[in-house]
Amino acid sequence: MSNLNGTPQTFAGVVTAAPQSVHLSIKEQVEAALQGVKEGRTMAILNVKTGSGLNLAVAHKFNDQWEVITYVGKSGWQKPIEGGVSVAFSR
């Protein structure tokens, strides 16, 4: 299932969050972390540590600009970030 009005919905055991429901401080730190991805990489998985636990952001690079495709995780997206963001994988 997809997101309905910013409410996370499950799909095959995976929970995603609509970009509009993600707190601005999380988006800002994800963007900052993406700036550190090595040149030539076009995909990245980021660890996002919220007050509710560890979540993920999946990003792709289009026309030299990073775009988060999906935010994966159960909760904590609506509050300011607490634990930071790090790049877990890129290719």
PDB file of N, CA and C in Angstrom:
ATOM      1  N   MET A   1       0.829  -1.186   0.000  1.00  0.00           N
ATOM      2  CA  MET A   1       0.000   0.000   0.000  1.00  0.00           C
ATOM      3  C   MET A   1       0.870   1.243   0.000  1.00  0.00           C
ATOM      4  N   SER A   2       0.314   2.321  -0.420  1.00  0.00           N
ATOM      5  CA  SER A   2       1.033   3.587  -0.404  1.00  0.00           C
ATOM      6  C   SER A   2       0.633   4.386   0.830  1.00  0.00           C
ATOM      7  N   ASN A   3       1.225   5.565   0.968  1.00  0.00           N
ATOM      8  CA  ASN A   3       0.896   6.432   2.101  1.00  0.00           C
ATOM      9  C   ASN A   3      -0.416   7.138   1.838  1.00  0.00           C
ATOM     10  N   LEU A   4      -1.210   7.269   2.885  1.00  0.00           N
ATOM     11  CA  LEU A   4      -2.472   7.973   2.787  1.00  0.00           C
ATOM     12  C   LEU A   4      -2.434   9.161   3.744  1.00  0.00           C
ATOM     13  N   ASN A   5      -2.431  10.351   3.195  1.00  0.00           N
ATOM     14  CA  ASN A   5      -2.426  11.576   4.002  1.00  0.00           C
ATOM     15  C   ASN A   5      -1.282  11.623   5.002  1.00  0.00           C
ATOM     16  N   GLY A   6      -0.109  11.135   4.611  1.00  0.00           N
ATOM     17  CA  GLY A   6       1.056  11.190   5.485  1.00  0.00           C
ATOM     18  C   GLY A   6       1.099  10.117   6.555  1.00  0.00           C
ATOM     19  N   THR A   7       0.122   9.206   6.568  1.00  0.00           N
ATOM     20  CA  THR A   7       0.112   8.124   7.545  1.00  0.00           C
ATOM     21  C   THR A   7       0.842   6.929   6.963  1.00  0.00           C
ATOM     22  N   PRO A   8       1.888   6.454   7.647  1.00  0.00           N
ATOM     23  CA  PRO A   8       2.625   5.296   7.112  1.00  0.00           C
ATOM     24  C   PRO A   8       1.717   4.087   6.939  1.00  0.00           C
ATOM     25  N   GLN A   9       1.876   3.420   5.820  1.00  0.00           N
ATOM     26  CA  GLN A   9       1.130   2.207   5.514  1.00  0.00           C
ATOM     27  C   GLN A   9       2.121   1.088   5.255  1.00  0.00           C
ATOM     28  N   THR A  10       1.790  -0.106   5.637  1.00  0.00           N
ATOM     29  CA  THR A  10       2.702  -1.224   5.433  1.00  0.00           C
ATOM     30  C   THR A  10       2.567  -1.799   4.034  1.00  0.00           C
ATOM     31  N   PHE A  11       3.669  -2.315   3.530  1.00  0.00           N
ATOM     32  CA  PHE A  11       3.698  -3.007   2.244  1.00  0.00           C
ATOM     33  C   PHE A  11       4.701  -4.136   2.394  1.00  0.00           C
ATOM     34  N   ALA A  12       4.225  -5.342   2.409  1.00  0.00           N
ATOM     35  CA  ALA A  12       5.086  -6.517   2.533  1.00  0.00           C
ATOM     36  C   ALA A  12       6.013  -6.400   3.747  1.00  0.00           C
ATOM     37  N   GLY A  13       5.496  -5.862   4.852  1.00  0.00           N
ATOM     38  CA  GLY A  13       6.282  -5.745   6.062  1.00  0.00           C
ATOM     39  C   GLY A  13       7.173  -4.520   6.128  1.00  0.00           C
ATOM     40  N   VAL A  14       7.188  -3.698   5.083  1.00  0.00           N
ATOM     41  CA  VAL A  14       8.012  -2.490   5.056  1.00  0.00           C
ATOM     42  C   VAL A  14       7.105  -1.281   5.251  1.00  0.00           C
ATOM     43  N   VAL A  15       7.521  -0.373   6.123  1.00  0.00           N
ATOM     44  CA  VAL A  15       6.751   0.839   6.365  1.00  0.00           C
ATOM     45  C   VAL A  15       7.507   2.016   5.774  1.00  0.00           C
ATOM     46  N   THR A  16       6.819   2.823   4.989  1.00  0.00           N
ATOM     47  CA  THR A  16       7.432   4.019   4.417  1.00  0.00           C
ATOM     48  C   THR A  16       6.683   5.251   4.918  1.00  0.00           C
ATOM     49  N   ALA A  17       7.369   6.384   4.869  1.00  0.00           N
ATOM     50  CA  ALA A  17       6.760   7.649   5.285  1.00  0.00           C
ATOM     51  C   ALA A  17       6.713   8.584   4.088  1.00  0.00           C
ATOM     52  N   ALA A  18       5.609   9.280   3.938  1.00  0.00           N
ATOM     53  CA  ALA A  18       5.475  10.256   2.857  1.00  0.00           C
ATOM     54  C   ALA A  18       6.434  11.413   3.104  1.00  0.00           C
ATOM     55  N   PRO A  19       7.106  11.912   2.063  1.00  0.00           N
ATOM     56  CA  PRO A  19       8.051  13.021   2.250  1.00  0.00           C
ATOM     57  C   PRO A  19       7.450  14.225   2.970  1.00  0.00           C
ATOM     58  N   GLN A  20       6.190  14.519   2.751  1.00  0.00           N
ATOM     59  CA  GLN A  20       5.570  15.670   3.402  1.00  0.00           C
ATOM     60  C   GLN A  20       5.388  15.464   4.903  1.00  0.00           C
ATOM     61  N   SER A  21       5.489  14.221   5.391  1.00  0.00           N
ATOM     62  CA  SER A  21       5.353  13.971   6.824  1.00  0.00           C
ATOM     63  C   SER A  21       6.707  13.935   7.541  1.00  0.00           C
ATOM     64  N   VAL A  22       7.807  14.117   6.808  1.00  0.00           N
ATOM     65  CA  VAL A  22       9.150  14.072   7.393  1.00  0.00           C
ATOM     66  C   VAL A  22       9.550  15.470   7.852  1.00  0.00           C
ATOM     67  N   HIS A  23       9.999  15.563   9.097  1.00  0.00           N
ATOM     68  CA  HIS A  23      10.375  16.848   9.703  1.00  0.00           C
ATOM     69  C   HIS A  23      11.503  17.515   8.907  1.00  0.00           C
ATOM     70  N   LEU A  24      11.466  18.826   8.820  1.00  0.00           N
ATOM     71  CA  LEU A  24      12.443  19.597   8.060  1.00  0.00           C
ATOM     72  C   LEU A  24      13.876  19.340   8.534  1.00  0.00           C
ATOM     73  N   SER A  25      14.089  19.186   9.838  1.00  0.00           N
ATOM     74  CA  SER A  25      15.456  18.965  10.328  1.00  0.00           C
ATOM     75  C   SER A  25      16.022  17.633   9.828  1.00  0.00           C
ATOM     76  N   ILE A  26      15.160  16.640   9.652  1.00  0.00           N
ATOM     77  CA  ILE A  26      15.607  15.351   9.107  1.00  0.00           C
ATOM     78  C   ILE A  26      15.986  15.535   7.648  1.00  0.00           C
ATOM     79  N   LYS A  27      15.146  16.206   6.886  1.00  0.00           N
ATOM     80  CA  LYS A  27      15.431  16.440   5.467  1.00  0.00           C
ATOM     81  C   LYS A  27      16.738  17.209   5.296  1.00  0.00           C
ATOM     82  N   GLU A  28      16.963  18.221   6.138  1.00  0.00           N
ATOM     83  CA  GLU A  28      18.188  19.019   6.040  1.00  0.00           C
ATOM     84  C   GLU A  28      19.432  18.177   6.309  1.00  0.00           C
ATOM     85  N   GLN A  29      19.375  17.309   7.320  1.00  0.00           N
ATOM     86  CA  GLN A  29      20.540  16.490   7.631  1.00  0.00           C
ATOM     87  C   GLN A  29      20.761  15.404   6.582  1.00  0.00           C
ATOM     88  N   VAL A  30      19.696  14.885   5.988  1.00  0.00           N
ATOM     89  CA  VAL A  30      19.846  13.925   4.896  1.00  0.00           C
ATOM     90  C   VAL A  30      20.528  14.619   3.718  1.00  0.00           C
ATOM     91  N   GLU A  31      20.087  15.824   3.369  1.00  0.00           N
ATOM     92  CA  GLU A  31      20.703  16.576   2.275  1.00  0.00           C
ATOM     93  C   GLU A  31      22.176  16.844   2.546  1.00  0.00           C
ATOM     94  N   ALA A  32      22.513  17.208   3.776  1.00  0.00           N
ATOM     95  CA  ALA A  32      23.901  17.485   4.134  1.00  0.00           C
ATOM     96  C   ALA A  32      24.749  16.217   4.016  1.00  0.00           C
ATOM     97  N   ALA A  33      24.226  15.095   4.464  1.00  0.00           N
ATOM     98  CA  ALA A  33      24.964  13.831   4.374  1.00  0.00           C
ATOM     99  C   ALA A  33      25.185  13.425   2.918  1.00  0.00           C
ATOM    100  N   LEU A  34      24.222  13.699   2.065  1.00  0.00           N
ATOM    101  CA  LEU A  34      24.355  13.350   0.647  1.00  0.00           C
ATOM    102  C   LEU A  34      25.464  14.144  -0.031  1.00  0.00           C
ATOM    103  N   GLN A  35      25.782  15.316   0.484  1.00  0.00           N
ATOM    104  CA  GLN A  35      26.857  16.116  -0.102  1.00  0.00           C
ATOM    105  C   GLN A  35      28.213  15.438   0.052  1.00  0.00           C
ATOM    106  N   GLY A  36      28.320  14.524   1.027  1.00  0.00           N
ATOM    107  CA  GLY A  36      29.568  13.821   1.261  1.00  0.00           C
ATOM    108  C   GLY A  36      29.737  12.531   0.470  1.00  0.00           C
ATOM    109  N   VAL A  37      28.737  12.179  -0.332  1.00  0.00           N
ATOM    110  CA  VAL A  37      28.827  10.961  -1.148  1.00  0.00           C
ATOM    111  C   VAL A  37      29.831  11.191  -2.269  1.00  0.00           C
ATOM    112  N   LYS A  38      30.686  10.215  -2.498  1.00  0.00           N
ATOM    113  CA  LYS A  38      31.742  10.350  -3.504  1.00  0.00           C
ATOM    114  C   LYS A  38      31.183  10.662  -4.883  1.00  0.00           C
ATOM    115  N   GLU A  39      31.954  11.424  -5.635  1.00  0.00           N
ATOM    116  CA  GLU A  39      31.594  11.797  -7.007  1.00  0.00           C
ATOM    117  C   GLU A  39      31.416  10.530  -7.844  1.00  0.00           C
ATOM    118  N   GLY A  40      30.446  10.546  -8.720  1.00  0.00           N
ATOM    119  CA  GLY A  40      30.197   9.420  -9.603  1.00  0.00           C
ATOM    120  C   GLY A  40      29.180   8.428  -9.068  1.00  0.00           C
ATOM    121  N   ARG A  41      28.832   8.550  -7.810  1.00  0.00           N
ATOM    122  CA  ARG A  41      27.818   7.667  -7.222  1.00  0.00           C
ATOM    123  C   ARG A  41      26.438   8.206  -7.567  1.00  0.00           C
ATOM    124  N   THR A  42      25.483   7.307  -7.782  1.00  0.00           N
ATOM    125  CA  THR A  42      24.143   7.744  -8.174  1.00  0.00           C
ATOM    126  C   THR A  42      23.042   7.209  -7.264  1.00  0.00           C
ATOM    127  N   MET A  43      23.416   6.410  -6.253  1.00  0.00           N
ATOM    128  CA  MET A  43      22.420   5.873  -5.330  1.00  0.00           C
ATOM    129  C   MET A  43      23.026   5.818  -3.942  1.00  0.00           C
ATOM    130  N   ALA A  44      22.219   6.105  -2.931  1.00  0.00           N
ATOM    131  CA  ALA A  44      22.714   6.066  -1.556  1.00  0.00           C
ATOM    132  C   ALA A  44      21.610   5.617  -0.608  1.00  0.00           C
ATOM    133  N   ILE A  45      22.019   4.859   0.409  1.00  0.00           N
ATOM    134  CA  ILE A  45      21.151   4.470   1.511  1.00  0.00           C
ATOM    135  C   ILE A  45      21.706   5.177   2.747  1.00  0.00           C
ATOM    136  N   LEU A  46      20.853   5.875   3.477  1.00  0.00           N
ATOM    137  CA  LEU A  46      21.293   6.625   4.643  1.00  0.00           C
ATOM    138  C   LEU A  46      20.615   6.113   5.908  1.00  0.00           C
ATOM    139  N   ASN A  47      21.385   6.015   6.989  1.00  0.00           N
ATOM    140  CA  ASN A  47      20.844   5.709   8.308  1.00  0.00           C
ATOM    141  C   ASN A  47      20.329   7.012   8.896  1.00  0.00           C
ATOM    142  N   VAL A  48      19.105   7.007   9.390  1.00  0.00           N
ATOM    143  CA  VAL A  48      18.502   8.184  10.004  1.00  0.00           C
ATOM    144  C   VAL A  48      18.100   7.802  11.421  1.00  0.00           C
ATOM    145  N   LYS A  49      18.812   8.344  12.405  1.00  0.00           N
ATOM    146  CA  LYS A  49      18.551   8.004  13.811  1.00  0.00           C
ATOM    147  C   LYS A  49      17.609   9.040  14.395  1.00  0.00           C
ATOM    148  N   THR A  50      16.370   8.628  14.629  1.00  0.00           N
ATOM    149  CA  THR A  50      15.379   9.510  15.241  1.00  0.00           C
ATOM    150  C   THR A  50      15.238   9.121  16.712  1.00  0.00           C
ATOM    151  N   GLY A  51      14.435   9.847  17.440  1.00  0.00           N
ATOM    152  CA  GLY A  51      14.172   9.517  18.833  1.00  0.00           C
ATOM    153  C   GLY A  51      13.445   8.200  18.992  1.00  0.00           C
ATOM    154  N   SER A  52      12.864   7.700  17.910  1.00  0.00           N
ATOM    155  CA  SER A  52      12.115   6.450  17.956  1.00  0.00           C
ATOM    156  C   SER A  52      12.917   5.257  17.458  1.00  0.00           C
ATOM    157  N   GLY A  53      14.126   5.488  16.971  1.00  0.00           N
ATOM    158  CA  GLY A  53      14.936   4.377  16.490  1.00  0.00           C
ATOM    159  C   GLY A  53      15.626   4.691  15.179  1.00  0.00           C
ATOM    160  N   LEU A  54      16.133   3.636  14.544  1.00  0.00           N
ATOM    161  CA  LEU A  54      16.869   3.784  13.296  1.00  0.00           C
ATOM    162  C   LEU A  54      15.951   3.567  12.107  1.00  0.00           C
ATOM    163  N   ASN A  55      15.950   4.506  11.195  1.00  0.00           N
ATOM    164  CA  ASN A  55      15.194   4.431   9.961  1.00  0.00           C
ATOM    165  C   ASN A  55      16.161   4.606   8.799  1.00  0.00           C
ATOM    166  N   LEU A  56      15.660   4.527   7.580  1.00  0.00           N
ATOM    167  CA  LEU A  56      16.490   4.658   6.387  1.00  0.00           C
ATOM    168  C   LEU A  56      15.904   5.692   5.437  1.00  0.00           C
ATOM    169  N   ALA A  57      16.783   6.294   4.647  1.00  0.00           N
ATOM    170  CA  ALA A  57      16.368   7.126   3.517  1.00  0.00           C
ATOM    171  C   ALA A  57      17.078   6.560   2.295  1.00  0.00           C
ATOM    172  N   VAL A  58      16.355   6.434   1.202  1.00  0.00           N
ATOM    173  CA  VAL A  58      16.921   5.933  -0.052  1.00  0.00           C
ATOM    174  C   VAL A  58      16.911   7.088  -1.041  1.00  0.00           C
ATOM    175  N   ALA A  59      18.101   7.387  -1.616  1.00  0.00           N
ATOM    176  CA  ALA A  59      18.221   8.539  -2.513  1.00  0.00           C
ATOM    177  C   ALA A  59      18.889   8.137  -3.824  1.00  0.00           C
ATOM    178  N   HIS A  60      18.492   8.819  -4.883  1.00  0.00           N
ATOM    179  CA  HIS A  60      19.111   8.658  -6.203  1.00  0.00           C
ATOM    180  C   HIS A  60      19.535  10.028  -6.702  1.00  0.00           C
ATOM    181  N   LYS A  61      20.545  10.037  -7.545  1.00  0.00           N
ATOM    182  CA  LYS A  61      21.040  11.284  -8.113  1.00  0.00           C
ATOM    183  C   LYS A  61      20.548  11.392  -9.550  1.00  0.00           C
ATOM    184  N   PHE A  62      19.829  12.469  -9.834  1.00  0.00           N
ATOM    185  CA  PHE A  62      19.322  12.746 -11.171  1.00  0.00           C
ATOM    186  C   PHE A  62      19.852  14.101 -11.608  1.00  0.00           C
ATOM    187  N   ASN A  63      20.494  14.153 -12.783  1.00  0.00           N
ATOM    188  CA  ASN A  63      21.012  15.425 -13.295  1.00  0.00           C
ATOM    189  C   ASN A  63      21.825  16.176 -12.241  1.00  0.00           C
ATOM    190  N   ASP A  64      22.734  15.485 -11.593  1.00  0.00           N
ATOM    191  CA  ASP A  64      23.618  16.054 -10.575  1.00  0.00           C
ATOM    192  C   ASP A  64      22.905  16.571  -9.331  1.00  0.00           C
ATOM    193  N   GLN A  65      21.692  16.148  -9.093  1.00  0.00           N
ATOM    194  CA  GLN A  65      20.963  16.559  -7.896  1.00  0.00           C
ATOM    195  C   GLN A  65      20.405  15.329  -7.181  1.00  0.00           C
ATOM    196  N   TRP A  66      20.661  15.245  -5.862  1.00  0.00           N
ATOM    197  CA  TRP A  66      20.151  14.136  -5.068  1.00  0.00           C
ATOM    198  C   TRP A  66      18.678  14.335  -4.766  1.00  0.00           C
ATOM    199  N   GLU A  67      17.924  13.250  -4.823  1.00  0.00           N
ATOM    200  CA  GLU A  67      16.505  13.267  -4.466  1.00  0.00           C
ATOM    201  C   GLU A  67      16.213  12.031  -3.631  1.00  0.00           C
ATOM    202  N   VAL A  68      15.604  12.235  -2.469  1.00  0.00           N
ATOM    203  CA  VAL A  68      15.209  11.097  -1.646  1.00  0.00           C
ATOM    204  C   VAL A  68      13.975  10.470  -2.285  1.00  0.00           C
ATOM    205  N   ILE A  69      14.098   9.193  -2.583  1.00  0.00           N
ATOM    206  CA  ILE A  69      13.006   8.466  -3.227  1.00  0.00           C
ATOM    207  C   ILE A  69      12.004   7.978  -2.196  1.00  0.00           C
ATOM    208  N   THR A  70      12.509   7.505  -1.053  1.00  0.00           N
ATOM    209  CA  THR A  70      11.614   7.029  -0.001  1.00  0.00           C
ATOM    210  C   THR A  70      12.291   7.093   1.356  1.00  0.00           C
ATOM    211  N   TYR A  71      11.475   7.297   2.360  1.00  0.00           N
ATOM    212  CA  TYR A  71      11.901   7.222   3.747  1.00  0.00           C
ATOM    213  C   TYR A  71      11.315   5.939   4.304  1.00  0.00           C
ATOM    214  N   VAL A  72      12.166   5.052   4.835  1.00  0.00           N
ATOM    215  CA  VAL A  72      11.736   3.735   5.292  1.00  0.00           C
ATOM    216  C   VAL A  72      11.908   3.641   6.803  1.00  0.00           C
ATOM    217  N   GLY A  73      10.868   3.255   7.491  1.00  0.00           N
ATOM    218  CA  GLY A  73      10.924   3.086   8.935  1.00  0.00           C
ATOM    219  C   GLY A  73       9.569   3.354   9.556  1.00  0.00           C
ATOM    220  N   LYS A  74       9.418   2.914  10.780  1.00  0.00           N
ATOM    221  CA  LYS A  74       8.100   2.949  11.414  1.00  0.00           C
ATOM    222  C   LYS A  74       7.698   4.287  12.018  1.00  0.00           C
ATOM    223  N   SER A  75       8.632   4.967  12.689  1.00  0.00           N
ATOM    224  CA  SER A  75       8.173   6.145  13.425  1.00  0.00           C
ATOM    225  C   SER A  75       9.294   7.159  13.654  1.00  0.00           C
ATOM    226  N   GLY A  76       8.900   8.298  14.173  1.00  0.00           N
ATOM    227  CA  GLY A  76       9.847   9.340  14.513  1.00  0.00           C
ATOM    228  C   GLY A  76      10.063  10.367  13.430  1.00  0.00           C
ATOM    229  N   TRP A  77       9.380  10.254  12.329  1.00  0.00           N
ATOM    230  CA  TRP A  77       9.597  11.155  11.196  1.00  0.00           C
ATOM    231  C   TRP A  77       9.055  12.561  11.431  1.00  0.00           C
ATOM    232  N   GLN A  78       8.049  12.716  12.271  1.00  0.00           N
ATOM    233  CA  GLN A  78       7.411  14.023  12.436  1.00  0.00           C
ATOM    234  C   GLN A  78       8.120  14.911  13.450  1.00  0.00           C
ATOM    235  N   LYS A  79       9.133  14.391  14.152  1.00  0.00           N
ATOM    236  CA  LYS A  79       9.837  15.166  15.171  1.00  0.00           C
ATOM    237  C   LYS A  79      11.233  15.525  14.676  1.00  0.00           C
ATOM    238  N   PRO A  80      11.859  16.548  15.298  1.00  0.00           N
ATOM    239  CA  PRO A  80      13.242  16.887  14.913  1.00  0.00           C
ATOM    240  C   PRO A  80      14.174  15.701  15.099  1.00  0.00           C
ATOM    241  N   ILE A  81      15.207  15.662  14.299  1.00  0.00           N
ATOM    242  CA  ILE A  81      16.180  14.572  14.371  1.00  0.00           C
ATOM    243  C   ILE A  81      16.898  14.599  15.712  1.00  0.00           C
ATOM    244  N   GLU A  82      17.230  13.434  16.238  1.00  0.00           N
ATOM    245  CA  GLU A  82      17.915  13.361  17.534  1.00  0.00           C
ATOM    246  C   GLU A  82      19.290  12.722  17.414  1.00  0.00           C
ATOM    247  N   GLY A  83      19.478  11.760  16.530  1.00  0.00           N
ATOM    248  CA  GLY A  83      20.723  11.027  16.512  1.00  0.00           C
ATOM    249  C   GLY A  83      21.606  11.252  15.289  1.00  0.00           C
ATOM    250  N   GLY A  84      21.113  11.979  14.314  1.00  0.00           N
ATOM    251  CA  GLY A  84      21.918  12.267  13.134  1.00  0.00           C
ATOM    252  C   GLY A  84      21.659  11.350  11.962  1.00  0.00           C
ATOM    253  N   VAL A  85      22.390  11.624  10.880  1.00  0.00           N
ATOM    254  CA  VAL A  85      22.262  10.891   9.622  1.00  0.00           C
ATOM    255  C   VAL A  85      23.653  10.500   9.149  1.00  0.00           C
ATOM    256  N   SER A  86      23.780   9.284   8.628  1.00  0.00           N
ATOM    257  CA  SER A  86      25.047   8.846   8.058  1.00  0.00           C
ATOM    258  C   SER A  86      24.777   8.035   6.800  1.00  0.00           C
ATOM    259  N   VAL A  87      25.722   8.056   5.880  1.00  0.00           N
ATOM    260  CA  VAL A  87      25.595   7.271   4.651  1.00  0.00           C
ATOM    261  C   VAL A  87      26.016   5.836   4.959  1.00  0.00           C
ATOM    262  N   ALA A  88      25.097   4.902   4.762  1.00  0.00           N
ATOM    263  CA  ALA A  88      25.384   3.492   5.031  1.00  0.00           C
ATOM    264  C   ALA A  88      25.960   2.792   3.804  1.00  0.00           C
ATOM    265  N   PHE A  89      25.522   3.226   2.611  1.00  0.00           N
ATOM    266  CA  PHE A  89      25.929   2.558   1.370  1.00  0.00           C
ATOM    267  C   PHE A  89      25.725   3.529   0.216  1.00  0.00           C
ATOM    268  N   SER A  90      26.608   3.476  -0.744  1.00  0.00           N
ATOM    269  CA  SER A  90      26.409   4.240  -1.989  1.00  0.00           C
ATOM    270  C   SER A  90      27.053   3.489  -3.132  1.00  0.00           C
ATOM    271  N   ARG A  91      26.520   3.698  -4.304  1.00  0.00           N
ATOM    272  CA  ARG A  91      27.105   3.092  -5.517  1.00  0.00           C
ATOM    273  C   ARG A  91      26.882   4.001  -6.686  1.00  0.00           C
TER     274      ARG A  91
END
